[in-house]
Protein backbone atom coordinates (compact mmCIF):
# COMPACT_ATOMS: atom_id res chain seq x y z
CA MET A 1 -15.30 -41.90 -23.56
CA PRO A 2 -13.39 -44.41 -21.32
CA SER A 3 -11.56 -43.22 -18.34
CA THR A 4 -8.49 -45.13 -19.19
CA ILE A 5 -6.28 -45.10 -22.25
CA THR A 6 -4.39 -48.21 -22.01
CA VAL A 7 -4.48 -50.69 -24.85
CA GLY A 8 -3.49 -54.44 -24.45
CA ALA A 9 -4.72 -57.73 -23.13
CA MET A 10 -7.55 -56.71 -20.90
CA ASN A 11 -9.97 -58.47 -18.52
CA ASP A 12 -12.47 -56.67 -16.21
CA ALA A 13 -9.63 -55.51 -13.97
CA GLY A 14 -7.37 -54.28 -16.71
CA PRO A 15 -4.39 -55.88 -18.22
CA GLU A 16 -3.73 -59.46 -16.94
CA LEU A 17 -1.49 -59.27 -13.87
CA GLY A 18 1.37 -61.36 -15.32
CA ASP A 19 1.21 -59.22 -18.45
CA ARG A 20 1.21 -56.06 -16.36
CA ARG A 21 4.27 -57.13 -14.31
CA ALA A 22 6.08 -57.91 -17.47
CA ARG A 23 5.21 -54.80 -19.14
CA ALA A 24 6.07 -52.74 -16.05
CA ALA A 25 9.58 -53.55 -16.92
CA THR A 26 9.17 -51.67 -20.20
CA VAL A 27 7.90 -48.45 -18.65
CA THR A 28 9.63 -45.29 -19.62
CA ILE A 29 9.27 -41.79 -18.17
CA THR A 30 10.29 -39.02 -20.61
CA VAL A 31 10.05 -35.34 -20.87
CA ASP A 32 7.50 -34.36 -23.54
CA ASP A 33 5.97 -31.17 -24.99
CA PRO A 34 2.85 -30.56 -22.96
CA THR A 35 0.95 -29.94 -26.31
CA SER A 36 1.97 -33.25 -27.83
CA PRO A 37 -0.94 -35.69 -28.51
CA ASP A 38 0.42 -38.15 -25.90
CA ALA A 39 0.73 -35.48 -23.24
CA LYS A 40 -2.78 -34.21 -23.98
CA ARG A 41 -4.24 -37.71 -23.81
CA ALA A 42 -2.63 -38.36 -20.45
CA ALA A 43 -3.62 -34.96 -19.03
CA SER A 44 -7.19 -35.47 -20.24
CA ALA A 45 -7.45 -38.88 -18.56
CA TYR A 46 -6.07 -37.49 -15.38
CA LEU A 47 -8.61 -34.64 -15.39
CA ARG A 48 -11.45 -37.06 -16.13
CA GLU A 49 -10.51 -39.24 -13.18
CA LEU A 50 -10.41 -36.27 -10.83
CA ASP A 51 -13.86 -35.25 -12.01
CA ASP A 52 -15.07 -38.75 -11.33
CA ARG A 53 -13.33 -39.20 -7.98
CA PHE A 54 -13.85 -35.91 -6.32
CA SER A 55 -17.16 -35.47 -4.50
CA THR A 56 -17.27 -31.89 -5.75
CA GLY A 57 -16.17 -32.89 -9.25
CA PHE A 58 -13.27 -31.05 -10.99
CA ASP A 59 -13.29 -27.95 -13.21
CA PRO A 60 -11.10 -28.78 -16.22
CA ASP A 61 -10.52 -24.97 -16.59
CA GLN A 62 -8.13 -25.31 -13.57
CA ALA A 63 -5.69 -26.78 -16.16
CA ALA A 64 -6.26 -24.36 -18.94
CA HIS A 65 -2.77 -22.91 -18.54
CA ASP A 66 -0.84 -26.34 -18.43
CA ALA A 67 0.76 -25.79 -21.82
CA GLU A 68 2.33 -22.67 -20.71
CA ASP A 69 3.06 -23.64 -17.12
CA PHE A 70 4.91 -26.79 -17.90
CA ALA A 71 7.13 -25.78 -20.84
CA GLY A 72 10.20 -23.84 -21.65
CA ASP A 73 11.65 -21.91 -18.70
CA LEU A 74 8.63 -22.45 -16.54
CA GLY A 75 8.57 -26.18 -16.17
CA GLU A 76 8.56 -29.71 -17.67
CA PHE A 77 5.79 -32.24 -18.58
CA PHE A 78 6.61 -36.00 -18.34
CA VAL A 79 4.79 -38.86 -20.14
CA VAL A 80 4.73 -42.41 -18.80
CA ARG A 81 4.60 -45.09 -21.51
CA SER A 82 4.70 -48.86 -21.62
CA GLU A 83 5.83 -49.72 -25.19
CA ASP A 84 3.27 -47.54 -27.24
CA ASP A 85 0.72 -47.25 -24.45
CA VAL A 86 0.47 -43.88 -22.61
CA ILE A 87 -0.17 -44.99 -18.96
CA GLY A 88 0.65 -41.69 -16.96
CA CYS A 89 1.97 -38.34 -16.70
CA GLY A 90 3.43 -35.78 -14.31
CA ALA A 91 4.71 -32.20 -14.40
CA LEU A 92 7.08 -29.83 -12.76
CA ARG A 93 6.55 -26.12 -12.42
CA TRP A 94 9.16 -23.80 -11.17
CA LEU A 95 7.87 -21.54 -8.39
CA ALA A 96 9.02 -17.89 -7.81
CA ASP A 97 10.54 -18.74 -4.40
CA GLY A 98 12.98 -21.32 -6.02
CA ALA A 99 11.03 -24.42 -5.26
CA ALA A 100 9.75 -26.84 -7.75
CA GLU A 101 6.05 -28.02 -7.71
CA ILE A 102 4.89 -31.34 -8.78
CA LYS A 103 1.62 -31.18 -10.72
CA ARG A 104 -0.61 -33.56 -12.76
CA MET A 105 0.90 -36.81 -11.34
CA TRP A 106 -1.27 -39.68 -12.53
CA VAL A 107 -0.93 -43.35 -13.51
CA ASP A 108 -3.69 -45.19 -15.29
CA PRO A 109 -5.84 -47.18 -12.85
CA ALA A 110 -5.13 -50.37 -14.81
CA TRP A 111 -1.33 -49.91 -14.15
CA ARG A 112 -1.46 -49.12 -10.37
CA GLY A 113 0.05 -51.41 -7.78
CA LEU A 114 3.25 -51.97 -9.67
CA GLY A 115 5.46 -49.27 -8.26
CA ILE A 116 5.05 -46.97 -11.40
CA ALA A 117 3.71 -43.96 -9.36
CA ALA A 118 6.74 -44.21 -6.99
CA ARG A 119 9.01 -44.40 -10.08
CA LEU A 120 7.32 -41.32 -11.53
CA LEU A 121 7.64 -39.39 -8.28
CA ARG A 122 11.33 -40.25 -8.06
CA ARG A 123 11.82 -39.07 -11.72
CA LEU A 124 9.96 -35.86 -11.09
CA GLU A 125 12.20 -35.27 -8.12
CA GLU A 126 15.32 -36.03 -10.09
CA GLY A 127 14.01 -33.50 -12.85
CA ALA A 128 13.68 -30.79 -10.18
CA ALA A 129 17.07 -31.42 -8.71
CA GLU A 130 18.61 -31.50 -12.33
CA HIS A 131 17.29 -27.96 -12.65
CA GLY A 132 18.91 -26.82 -9.42
CA HIS A 133 15.87 -26.97 -7.09
CA ALA A 134 16.53 -28.09 -3.66
CA VAL A 135 12.87 -28.27 -2.48
CA VAL A 136 9.77 -29.80 -4.12
CA ARG A 137 6.24 -29.08 -3.08
CA LEU A 138 2.95 -30.53 -4.06
CA ASP A 139 -0.67 -30.41 -3.09
CA THR A 140 -3.34 -33.07 -3.27
CA ASN A 141 -6.98 -33.76 -2.45
CA ALA A 142 -7.94 -35.60 0.76
CA GLU A 143 -9.89 -38.02 -1.30
CA LEU A 144 -6.79 -39.32 -3.04
CA THR A 145 -5.80 -41.37 0.09
CA ALA A 146 -3.24 -43.67 -1.70
CA ALA A 147 -1.41 -40.47 -3.09
CA VAL A 148 -1.35 -38.97 0.42
CA ALA A 149 0.02 -42.17 1.82
CA MET A 150 2.73 -42.47 -1.07
CA TYR A 151 3.90 -38.92 -0.47
CA ARG A 152 4.32 -39.57 3.25
CA SER A 153 6.15 -42.72 2.75
CA ALA A 154 8.46 -41.08 0.19
CA GLY A 155 9.57 -38.40 2.86
CA TYR A 156 7.18 -35.58 2.18
CA THR A 157 6.09 -33.55 5.24
CA GLU A 158 2.92 -31.47 5.46
CA VAL A 159 3.34 -27.80 5.27
CA PRO A 160 0.98 -24.91 5.48
CA ARG A 161 -1.13 -24.00 2.43
CA TYR A 162 1.26 -22.44 -0.17
CA ASN A 163 -1.17 -21.94 -3.06
CA ASP A 164 -4.85 -21.23 -3.82
CA ASN A 165 -5.80 -24.59 -5.35
CA PRO A 166 -9.40 -24.90 -4.47
CA TYR A 167 -9.31 -28.68 -4.61
CA ALA A 168 -6.35 -29.23 -2.27
CA GLN A 169 -6.58 -30.13 1.41
CA HIS A 170 -2.98 -31.33 1.91
CA TRP A 171 0.25 -29.50 0.99
CA PHE A 172 3.59 -31.20 1.19
CA GLU A 173 7.22 -30.43 0.85
CA LYS A 174 10.38 -32.32 0.57
CA ARG A 175 14.10 -31.39 0.59
CA LEU A 176 16.03 -32.99 -2.21
CA ASP A 177 19.66 -34.22 -2.18
CA PRO A 178 21.69 -32.57 -4.79
CA PRO A 179 22.01 -34.53 -8.11
CA ALA A 180 24.99 -36.94 -7.99
CA ALA A 181 28.17 -35.52 -9.47
CA HIS A 182 29.34 -37.26 -12.62
CA SER A 183 32.97 -38.23 -12.82
CA ASP A 184 35.10 -38.87 -15.88
CA LEU A 185 37.37 -41.02 -13.91
CA PRO A 186 37.25 -44.76 -14.59
């Protein structure tokens, strides 16, 4: 089974660069049911990539409760699409201490380098703020060096371990600005 799920004009490196740039403008990030076919496809591709990239592999049973963790009153699951193609995902989980946790953040490798991951990160932060969370946390594996760099550049600071994720070597936190107030005034 391929490790990417993107469909479109492809060469050995993925969609043609010009096509990717044009299609990046069509990217949407929406809340989706974590049990929907698109959410499951994105999460499966993410888990396959972790298993391929981590020197220790990745046990998909670590994600066995995602449908419960990212739905209803416990969190939200987001799917990233370009037109009809599923090209990424991310999730929020509400923690007992009032913080929100970012999980399952992934962009298809063929779509990286276009700012989509940074857009997804901002959308997840907005989702947390919209639900009243002033702090977001996340963890990541040291082998995901681009992700670590992105989190740092987005204002995340390293914090002590806050969970028991056996694959994490970095734990980050960021204080969020409250959501902008909407005004009915012209």
